[in-house]
Amino acid sequence: MIFWTLVFITTSLLTLFNKGIFQSLNQKMKQLELKRLGDGNDEAYTKEFVKFGCFSLIAGMALFVAQIVYIIKAIEIDPYKYPSILAVAIVIICFLRMKKSKKTSEMNEQELIIYKAELLKPKKRTFLQVVLSLLWAAYFGYMFYVLVF
């Protein structure tokens, strides 16, 4: 449990001070998505996705599952329970927020043009991302304190 606490503290601090641990792969995936939207070549997109995107997808899903299992175990260990329940609520809210995004195949021409423009502009961190990174760093720091002392 201490090992995973240190892993999650590290990832949350990396996300806080950088743009995230998968940022370069996310940029590559955006470029691939733009290329696919431009020429419509799904076969080349699939090959490139397997080459670059599978690692980030598998690693991200593995970290997500590990974090869910960690939080469930943390509820049992946490003496106050409220921080761990708040962490569960944050995970659920973030998952629902992520689930709401539209797929490019469901977009009309106007939405596709706006989506392409959003992909081309440089991604800046939002206030919500910074706050969530701070919350996760504080939560995992708290859990480290609970586990060690």
N, C-alpha and C. Protein backbone atom coordinates (compact mmCIF):
# COMPACT_ATOMS: atom_id res chain seq x y z
N MET A 1 0.83 -1.19 0.00
CA MET A 1 0.00 0.00 0.00
C MET A 1 0.87 1.25 0.00
N ILE A 2 1.99 1.21 0.72
CA ILE A 2 2.90 2.37 0.75
C ILE A 2 3.51 2.58 -0.64
N PHE A 3 3.83 1.48 -1.33
CA PHE A 3 4.39 1.60 -2.68
C PHE A 3 3.43 2.34 -3.59
N TRP A 4 2.16 1.93 -3.59
CA TRP A 4 1.19 2.58 -4.46
C TRP A 4 0.93 4.02 -4.04
N THR A 5 1.03 4.29 -2.76
CA THR A 5 0.89 5.67 -2.29
C THR A 5 1.99 6.53 -2.89
N LEU A 6 3.21 6.02 -2.87
CA LEU A 6 4.33 6.77 -3.45
C LEU A 6 4.18 6.92 -4.97
N VAL A 7 3.69 5.89 -5.63
CA VAL A 7 3.46 5.98 -7.08
C VAL A 7 2.43 7.06 -7.38
N PHE A 8 1.33 7.08 -6.63
CA PHE A 8 0.28 8.05 -6.90
C PHE A 8 0.67 9.47 -6.48
N ILE A 9 1.46 9.60 -5.43
CA ILE A 9 1.98 10.93 -5.08
C ILE A 9 2.86 11.44 -6.21
N THR A 10 3.71 10.58 -6.72
CA THR A 10 4.61 10.97 -7.81
C THR A 10 3.83 11.38 -9.05
N THR A 11 2.84 10.59 -9.44
CA THR A 11 2.06 10.94 -10.64
C THR A 11 1.26 12.21 -10.44
N SER A 12 0.72 12.42 -9.26
CA SER A 12 -0.05 13.65 -9.04
C SER A 12 0.86 14.87 -9.01
N LEU A 13 2.05 14.74 -8.46
CA LEU A 13 2.99 15.86 -8.47
C LEU A 13 3.54 16.12 -9.87
N LEU A 14 3.78 15.06 -10.64
CA LEU A 14 4.19 15.26 -12.03
C LEU A 14 3.09 15.96 -12.82
N THR A 15 1.86 15.58 -12.58
CA THR A 15 0.74 16.24 -13.25
C THR A 15 0.62 17.69 -12.82
N LEU A 16 0.93 17.96 -11.57
CA LEU A 16 0.83 19.32 -11.06
C LEU A 16 1.91 20.22 -11.66
N PHE A 17 3.15 19.74 -11.69
CA PHE A 17 4.25 20.59 -12.12
C PHE A 17 4.54 20.50 -13.61
N ASN A 18 4.20 19.40 -14.25
CA ASN A 18 4.29 19.30 -15.70
C ASN A 18 2.87 19.29 -16.23
N LYS A 19 2.69 18.80 -17.44
CA LYS A 19 1.34 18.72 -17.97
C LYS A 19 0.77 17.32 -17.88
N GLY A 20 1.47 16.41 -17.27
CA GLY A 20 0.99 15.05 -17.12
C GLY A 20 2.01 14.05 -17.60
N ILE A 21 1.87 12.83 -17.15
CA ILE A 21 2.87 11.83 -17.50
C ILE A 21 2.69 11.29 -18.91
N PHE A 22 1.52 11.43 -19.49
CA PHE A 22 1.27 10.95 -20.84
C PHE A 22 1.10 12.10 -21.83
N GLN A 23 1.61 13.27 -21.53
CA GLN A 23 1.37 14.46 -22.34
C GLN A 23 1.93 14.31 -23.76
N SER A 24 3.15 13.80 -23.90
CA SER A 24 3.74 13.69 -25.24
C SER A 24 2.97 12.68 -26.09
N LEU A 25 2.54 11.58 -25.48
CA LEU A 25 1.74 10.61 -26.22
C LEU A 25 0.37 11.18 -26.58
N ASN A 26 -0.20 11.98 -25.70
CA ASN A 26 -1.48 12.61 -26.00
C ASN A 26 -1.36 13.57 -27.18
N GLN A 27 -0.24 14.31 -27.24
CA GLN A 27 -0.01 15.22 -28.37
C GLN A 27 0.09 14.42 -29.67
N LYS A 28 0.80 13.31 -29.64
CA LYS A 28 0.93 12.46 -30.83
C LYS A 28 -0.43 11.92 -31.25
N MET A 29 -1.25 11.54 -30.29
CA MET A 29 -2.58 11.03 -30.61
C MET A 29 -3.47 12.12 -31.22
N LYS A 30 -3.31 13.35 -30.75
CA LYS A 30 -4.06 14.46 -31.34
C LYS A 30 -3.64 14.68 -32.79
N GLN A 31 -2.33 14.59 -33.06
CA GLN A 31 -1.85 14.74 -34.43
C GLN A 31 -2.39 13.63 -35.32
N LEU A 32 -2.44 12.42 -34.81
CA LEU A 32 -3.01 11.31 -35.57
C LEU A 32 -4.50 11.53 -35.84
N GLU A 33 -5.20 12.02 -34.85
CA GLU A 33 -6.64 12.29 -35.01
C GLU A 33 -6.86 13.37 -36.07
N LEU A 34 -6.03 14.41 -36.06
CA LEU A 34 -6.13 15.45 -37.08
C LEU A 34 -5.86 14.89 -38.47
N LYS A 35 -4.85 14.04 -38.58
CA LYS A 35 -4.53 13.44 -39.87
C LYS A 35 -5.69 12.57 -40.36
N ARG A 36 -6.30 11.82 -39.45
CA ARG A 36 -7.42 10.96 -39.82
C ARG A 36 -8.62 11.79 -40.26
N LEU A 37 -8.87 12.89 -39.54
CA LEU A 37 -9.99 13.75 -39.91
C LEU A 37 -9.74 14.44 -41.24
N GLY A 38 -8.45 14.71 -41.55
CA GLY A 38 -8.11 15.40 -42.79
C GLY A 38 -8.24 14.51 -44.01
N ASP A 39 -7.62 13.32 -43.98
CA ASP A 39 -7.64 12.47 -45.17
C ASP A 39 -8.60 11.29 -45.07
N GLY A 40 -9.11 11.00 -43.91
CA GLY A 40 -10.10 9.93 -43.74
C GLY A 40 -9.53 8.53 -43.87
N ASN A 41 -8.23 8.38 -43.76
CA ASN A 41 -7.58 7.07 -43.89
C ASN A 41 -7.60 6.36 -42.54
N ASP A 42 -8.60 5.53 -42.34
CA ASP A 42 -8.76 4.85 -41.06
C ASP A 42 -7.73 3.74 -40.86
N GLU A 43 -7.28 3.11 -41.95
CA GLU A 43 -6.32 2.02 -41.82
C GLU A 43 -4.97 2.53 -41.31
N ALA A 44 -4.50 3.64 -41.86
CA ALA A 44 -3.23 4.22 -41.39
C ALA A 44 -3.37 4.70 -39.95
N TYR A 45 -4.54 5.25 -39.62
CA TYR A 45 -4.79 5.71 -38.25
C TYR A 45 -4.73 4.54 -37.28
N THR A 46 -5.30 3.41 -37.67
CA THR A 46 -5.30 2.24 -36.79
C THR A 46 -3.89 1.73 -36.55
N LYS A 47 -3.07 1.69 -37.62
CA LYS A 47 -1.68 1.24 -37.46
C LYS A 47 -0.90 2.17 -36.55
N GLU A 48 -1.05 3.47 -36.74
CA GLU A 48 -0.34 4.45 -35.90
C GLU A 48 -0.85 4.41 -34.47
N PHE A 49 -2.15 4.20 -34.30
CA PHE A 49 -2.70 4.12 -32.95
C PHE A 49 -2.13 2.92 -32.21
N VAL A 50 -2.03 1.79 -32.90
CA VAL A 50 -1.46 0.60 -32.27
C VAL A 50 -0.01 0.87 -31.89
N LYS A 51 0.70 1.61 -32.74
CA LYS A 51 2.11 1.88 -32.48
C LYS A 51 2.30 2.85 -31.31
N PHE A 52 1.54 3.93 -31.26
CA PHE A 52 1.75 4.97 -30.25
C PHE A 52 0.70 4.99 -29.14
N GLY A 53 -0.54 4.74 -29.47
CA GLY A 53 -1.61 4.95 -28.52
C GLY A 53 -1.90 3.81 -27.57
N CYS A 54 -1.55 2.61 -27.95
CA CYS A 54 -1.86 1.47 -27.08
C CYS A 54 -1.14 1.55 -25.75
N PHE A 55 0.12 1.96 -25.76
CA PHE A 55 0.86 2.05 -24.50
C PHE A 55 0.19 3.03 -23.56
N SER A 56 -0.13 4.21 -24.06
CA SER A 56 -0.73 5.21 -23.17
C SER A 56 -2.11 4.75 -22.69
N LEU A 57 -2.86 4.11 -23.56
CA LEU A 57 -4.18 3.62 -23.17
C LEU A 57 -4.08 2.52 -22.12
N ILE A 58 -3.20 1.56 -22.34
CA ILE A 58 -3.05 0.45 -21.39
C ILE A 58 -2.48 0.95 -20.06
N ALA A 59 -1.46 1.81 -20.13
CA ALA A 59 -0.86 2.33 -18.89
C ALA A 59 -1.86 3.20 -18.13
N GLY A 60 -2.60 4.03 -18.85
CA GLY A 60 -3.60 4.87 -18.19
C GLY A 60 -4.71 4.06 -17.54
N MET A 61 -5.19 3.02 -18.24
CA MET A 61 -6.23 2.17 -17.67
C MET A 61 -5.70 1.38 -16.47
N ALA A 62 -4.45 0.92 -16.56
CA ALA A 62 -3.87 0.18 -15.44
C ALA A 62 -3.74 1.08 -14.21
N LEU A 63 -3.28 2.32 -14.41
CA LEU A 63 -3.19 3.25 -13.29
C LEU A 63 -4.56 3.59 -12.73
N PHE A 64 -5.55 3.73 -13.61
CA PHE A 64 -6.91 4.04 -13.17
C PHE A 64 -7.47 2.90 -12.32
N VAL A 65 -7.32 1.66 -12.79
CA VAL A 65 -7.81 0.51 -12.03
C VAL A 65 -7.06 0.38 -10.71
N ALA A 66 -5.74 0.59 -10.74
CA ALA A 66 -4.95 0.52 -9.51
C ALA A 66 -5.40 1.59 -8.52
N GLN A 67 -5.73 2.78 -9.04
CA GLN A 67 -6.18 3.85 -8.17
C GLN A 67 -7.54 3.53 -7.56
N ILE A 68 -8.44 2.95 -8.33
CA ILE A 68 -9.75 2.56 -7.80
C ILE A 68 -9.59 1.51 -6.70
N VAL A 69 -8.77 0.49 -6.96
CA VAL A 69 -8.53 -0.55 -5.95
C VAL A 69 -7.88 0.06 -4.71
N TYR A 70 -6.94 0.97 -4.93
CA TYR A 70 -6.26 1.63 -3.82
C TYR A 70 -7.26 2.40 -2.95
N ILE A 71 -8.14 3.16 -3.59
CA ILE A 71 -9.10 3.97 -2.83
C ILE A 71 -10.07 3.08 -2.06
N ILE A 72 -10.49 1.98 -2.66
CA ILE A 72 -11.38 1.05 -1.95
C ILE A 72 -10.69 0.48 -0.72
N LYS A 73 -9.42 0.09 -0.88
CA LYS A 73 -8.66 -0.41 0.28
C LYS A 73 -8.41 0.71 1.29
N ALA A 74 -8.23 1.94 0.80
CA ALA A 74 -7.96 3.07 1.69
C ALA A 74 -9.15 3.39 2.57
N ILE A 75 -10.36 3.13 2.09
CA ILE A 75 -11.54 3.37 2.92
C ILE A 75 -11.50 2.50 4.17
N GLU A 76 -10.99 1.28 4.02
CA GLU A 76 -10.88 0.38 5.18
C GLU A 76 -9.81 0.86 6.16
N ILE A 77 -8.73 1.44 5.64
CA ILE A 77 -7.59 1.83 6.48
C ILE A 77 -7.76 3.22 7.07
N ASP A 78 -8.39 4.11 6.33
CA ASP A 78 -8.51 5.51 6.72
C ASP A 78 -9.29 5.65 8.03
N PRO A 79 -8.70 6.28 9.04
CA PRO A 79 -9.42 6.41 10.32
C PRO A 79 -10.60 7.38 10.25
N TYR A 80 -10.56 8.37 9.35
CA TYR A 80 -11.64 9.35 9.27
C TYR A 80 -12.67 9.05 8.19
N LYS A 81 -12.32 8.29 7.20
CA LYS A 81 -13.18 7.85 6.09
C LYS A 81 -13.58 8.98 5.15
N TYR A 82 -13.72 10.21 5.61
CA TYR A 82 -14.19 11.30 4.75
C TYR A 82 -13.24 11.61 3.60
N PRO A 83 -11.93 11.67 3.81
CA PRO A 83 -11.04 11.93 2.66
C PRO A 83 -11.14 10.85 1.58
N SER A 84 -11.26 9.61 1.98
CA SER A 84 -11.35 8.53 1.00
C SER A 84 -12.70 8.55 0.28
N ILE A 85 -13.76 8.88 0.98
CA ILE A 85 -15.08 8.99 0.35
C ILE A 85 -15.09 10.17 -0.62
N LEU A 86 -14.44 11.26 -0.25
CA LEU A 86 -14.31 12.40 -1.16
C LEU A 86 -13.50 12.00 -2.40
N ALA A 87 -12.48 11.19 -2.24
CA ALA A 87 -11.69 10.71 -3.37
C ALA A 87 -12.54 9.87 -4.31
N VAL A 88 -13.40 9.02 -3.77
CA VAL A 88 -14.31 8.23 -4.59
C VAL A 88 -15.25 9.15 -5.37
N ALA A 89 -15.77 10.18 -4.71
CA ALA A 89 -16.66 11.13 -5.38
C ALA A 89 -15.94 11.85 -6.51
N ILE A 90 -14.69 12.24 -6.29
CA ILE A 90 -13.92 12.93 -7.34
C ILE A 90 -13.71 12.01 -8.53
N VAL A 91 -13.39 10.74 -8.28
CA VAL A 91 -13.19 9.79 -9.37
C VAL A 91 -14.48 9.62 -10.17
N ILE A 92 -15.60 9.50 -9.50
CA ILE A 92 -16.88 9.32 -10.18
C ILE A 92 -17.22 10.55 -11.01
N ILE A 93 -17.04 11.74 -10.45
CA ILE A 93 -17.34 12.97 -11.18
C ILE A 93 -16.44 13.12 -12.40
N CYS A 94 -15.16 12.84 -12.24
CA CYS A 94 -14.23 12.93 -13.38
C CYS A 94 -14.57 11.91 -14.45
N PHE A 95 -14.97 10.71 -14.04
CA PHE A 95 -15.36 9.68 -15.00
C PHE A 95 -16.61 10.10 -15.77
N LEU A 96 -17.60 10.63 -15.09
CA LEU A 96 -18.82 11.08 -15.76
C LEU A 96 -18.54 12.25 -16.69
N ARG A 97 -17.66 13.14 -16.28
CA ARG A 97 -17.30 14.28 -17.11
C ARG A 97 -16.58 13.82 -18.38
N MET A 98 -15.73 12.82 -18.24
CA MET A 98 -15.01 12.28 -19.38
C MET A 98 -15.96 11.53 -20.31
N LYS A 99 -16.92 10.85 -19.76
CA LYS A 99 -17.86 10.05 -20.53
C LYS A 99 -18.76 10.92 -21.40
N LYS A 100 -18.95 12.20 -21.02
CA LYS A 100 -19.85 13.10 -21.72
C LYS A 100 -19.32 13.56 -23.07
N SER A 101 -18.01 13.45 -23.31
CA SER A 101 -17.45 13.99 -24.55
C SER A 101 -17.94 13.19 -25.76
N LYS A 102 -18.12 13.91 -26.87
CA LYS A 102 -18.68 13.33 -28.08
C LYS A 102 -17.58 12.68 -28.91
N LYS A 103 -17.91 11.61 -29.62
CA LYS A 103 -16.98 10.98 -30.54
C LYS A 103 -17.00 11.75 -31.86
N THR A 104 -15.87 11.70 -32.58
CA THR A 104 -15.80 12.45 -33.84
C THR A 104 -16.74 11.88 -34.89
N SER A 105 -17.06 10.61 -34.82
CA SER A 105 -17.97 10.02 -35.80
C SER A 105 -19.40 10.52 -35.62
N GLU A 106 -19.73 11.05 -34.44
CA GLU A 106 -21.08 11.55 -34.17
C GLU A 106 -21.21 13.05 -34.41
N MET A 107 -20.11 13.71 -34.82
CA MET A 107 -20.13 15.16 -34.99
C MET A 107 -20.57 15.53 -36.41
N ASN A 108 -21.25 16.69 -36.52
CA ASN A 108 -21.57 17.20 -37.84
C ASN A 108 -20.39 18.05 -38.34
N GLU A 109 -20.50 18.62 -39.53
CA GLU A 109 -19.39 19.36 -40.14
C GLU A 109 -18.95 20.56 -39.30
N GLN A 110 -19.91 21.30 -38.78
CA GLN A 110 -19.59 22.48 -37.96
C GLN A 110 -18.83 22.08 -36.70
N GLU A 111 -19.30 21.04 -36.04
CA GLU A 111 -18.62 20.57 -34.82
C GLU A 111 -17.23 20.03 -35.13
N LEU A 112 -17.06 19.39 -36.30
CA LEU A 112 -15.74 18.88 -36.69
C LEU A 112 -14.74 20.01 -36.91
N ILE A 113 -15.20 21.10 -37.51
CA ILE A 113 -14.32 22.25 -37.73
C ILE A 113 -13.88 22.84 -36.39
N ILE A 114 -14.81 22.97 -35.47
CA ILE A 114 -14.47 23.49 -34.13
C ILE A 114 -13.53 22.53 -33.41
N TYR A 115 -13.77 21.23 -33.55
CA TYR A 115 -12.93 20.23 -32.90
C TYR A 115 -11.50 20.27 -33.45
N LYS A 116 -11.36 20.42 -34.77
CA LYS A 116 -10.02 20.51 -35.38
C LYS A 116 -9.29 21.74 -34.87
N ALA A 117 -10.01 22.86 -34.76
CA ALA A 117 -9.38 24.09 -34.26
C ALA A 117 -8.93 23.93 -32.82
N GLU A 118 -9.73 23.25 -32.01
CA GLU A 118 -9.34 23.01 -30.61
C GLU A 118 -8.13 22.09 -30.51
N LEU A 119 -8.02 21.12 -31.41
CA LEU A 119 -6.86 20.23 -31.40
C LEU A 119 -5.58 20.95 -31.81
N LEU A 120 -5.71 21.93 -32.70
CA LEU A 120 -4.53 22.64 -33.19
C LEU A 120 -3.96 23.63 -32.20
N LYS A 121 -4.82 24.24 -31.39
CA LYS A 121 -4.30 25.23 -30.45
C LYS A 121 -3.57 24.54 -29.30
N PRO A 122 -2.53 25.19 -28.78
CA PRO A 122 -1.76 24.56 -27.70
C PRO A 122 -2.62 24.37 -26.45
N LYS A 123 -2.45 23.22 -25.84
CA LYS A 123 -3.25 22.87 -24.65
C LYS A 123 -2.64 23.53 -23.42
N LYS A 124 -3.45 24.29 -22.72
CA LYS A 124 -3.02 24.90 -21.47
C LYS A 124 -3.75 24.20 -20.33
N ARG A 125 -3.10 24.18 -19.20
CA ARG A 125 -3.75 23.57 -18.05
C ARG A 125 -4.85 24.48 -17.54
N THR A 126 -5.94 23.88 -17.16
CA THR A 126 -7.05 24.65 -16.62
C THR A 126 -6.93 24.72 -15.10
N PHE A 127 -7.70 25.61 -14.54
CA PHE A 127 -7.73 25.76 -13.09
C PHE A 127 -8.21 24.46 -12.43
N LEU A 128 -9.18 23.81 -13.04
CA LEU A 128 -9.70 22.55 -12.51
C LEU A 128 -8.63 21.47 -12.47
N GLN A 129 -7.80 21.39 -13.52
CA GLN A 129 -6.72 20.40 -13.53
C GLN A 129 -5.72 20.65 -12.41
N VAL A 130 -5.39 21.91 -12.18
CA VAL A 130 -4.44 22.25 -11.11
C VAL A 130 -5.04 21.91 -9.75
N VAL A 131 -6.32 22.25 -9.55
CA VAL A 131 -6.98 21.97 -8.27
C VAL A 131 -7.07 20.46 -8.04
N LEU A 132 -7.43 19.71 -9.07
CA LEU A 132 -7.51 18.25 -8.92
C LEU A 132 -6.14 17.65 -8.61
N SER A 133 -5.10 18.15 -9.25
CA SER A 133 -3.75 17.65 -8.96
C SER A 133 -3.35 17.95 -7.53
N LEU A 134 -3.69 19.15 -7.06
CA LEU A 134 -3.41 19.49 -5.66
C LEU A 134 -4.20 18.61 -4.70
N LEU A 135 -5.47 18.37 -5.01
CA LEU A 135 -6.29 17.51 -4.16
C LEU A 135 -5.73 16.09 -4.10
N TRP A 136 -5.34 15.55 -5.25
CA TRP A 136 -4.78 14.20 -5.26
C TRP A 136 -3.46 14.15 -4.51
N ALA A 137 -2.60 15.15 -4.70
CA ALA A 137 -1.32 15.16 -3.97
C ALA A 137 -1.57 15.24 -2.47
N ALA A 138 -2.53 16.08 -2.06
CA ALA A 138 -2.84 16.19 -0.64
C ALA A 138 -3.44 14.89 -0.10
N TYR A 139 -4.32 14.27 -0.86
CA TYR A 139 -4.93 13.02 -0.41
C TYR A 139 -3.89 11.92 -0.25
N PHE A 140 -3.04 11.76 -1.25
CA PHE A 140 -2.04 10.70 -1.16
C PHE A 140 -0.97 11.02 -0.12
N GLY A 141 -0.70 12.30 0.10
CA GLY A 141 0.18 12.67 1.20
C GLY A 141 -0.44 12.32 2.55
N TYR A 142 -1.73 12.58 2.68
CA TYR A 142 -2.47 12.21 3.89
C TYR A 142 -2.45 10.70 4.10
N MET A 143 -2.67 9.94 3.03
CA MET A 143 -2.67 8.48 3.15
C MET A 143 -1.27 7.97 3.49
N PHE A 144 -0.24 8.61 2.97
CA PHE A 144 1.12 8.22 3.33
C PHE A 144 1.34 8.43 4.82
N TYR A 145 0.86 9.56 5.33
CA TYR A 145 0.97 9.85 6.76
C TYR A 145 0.22 8.80 7.58
N VAL A 146 -0.99 8.45 7.14
CA VAL A 146 -1.79 7.45 7.86
C VAL A 146 -1.10 6.09 7.84
N LEU A 147 -0.53 5.72 6.72
CA LEU A 147 0.09 4.41 6.61
C LEU A 147 1.40 4.30 7.37
N VAL A 148 2.17 5.38 7.40
CA VAL A 148 3.49 5.32 8.04
C VAL A 148 3.40 5.56 9.54
N PHE A 149 2.58 6.52 9.94
CA PHE A 149 2.54 6.88 11.37
C PHE A 149 1.29 6.36 11.96
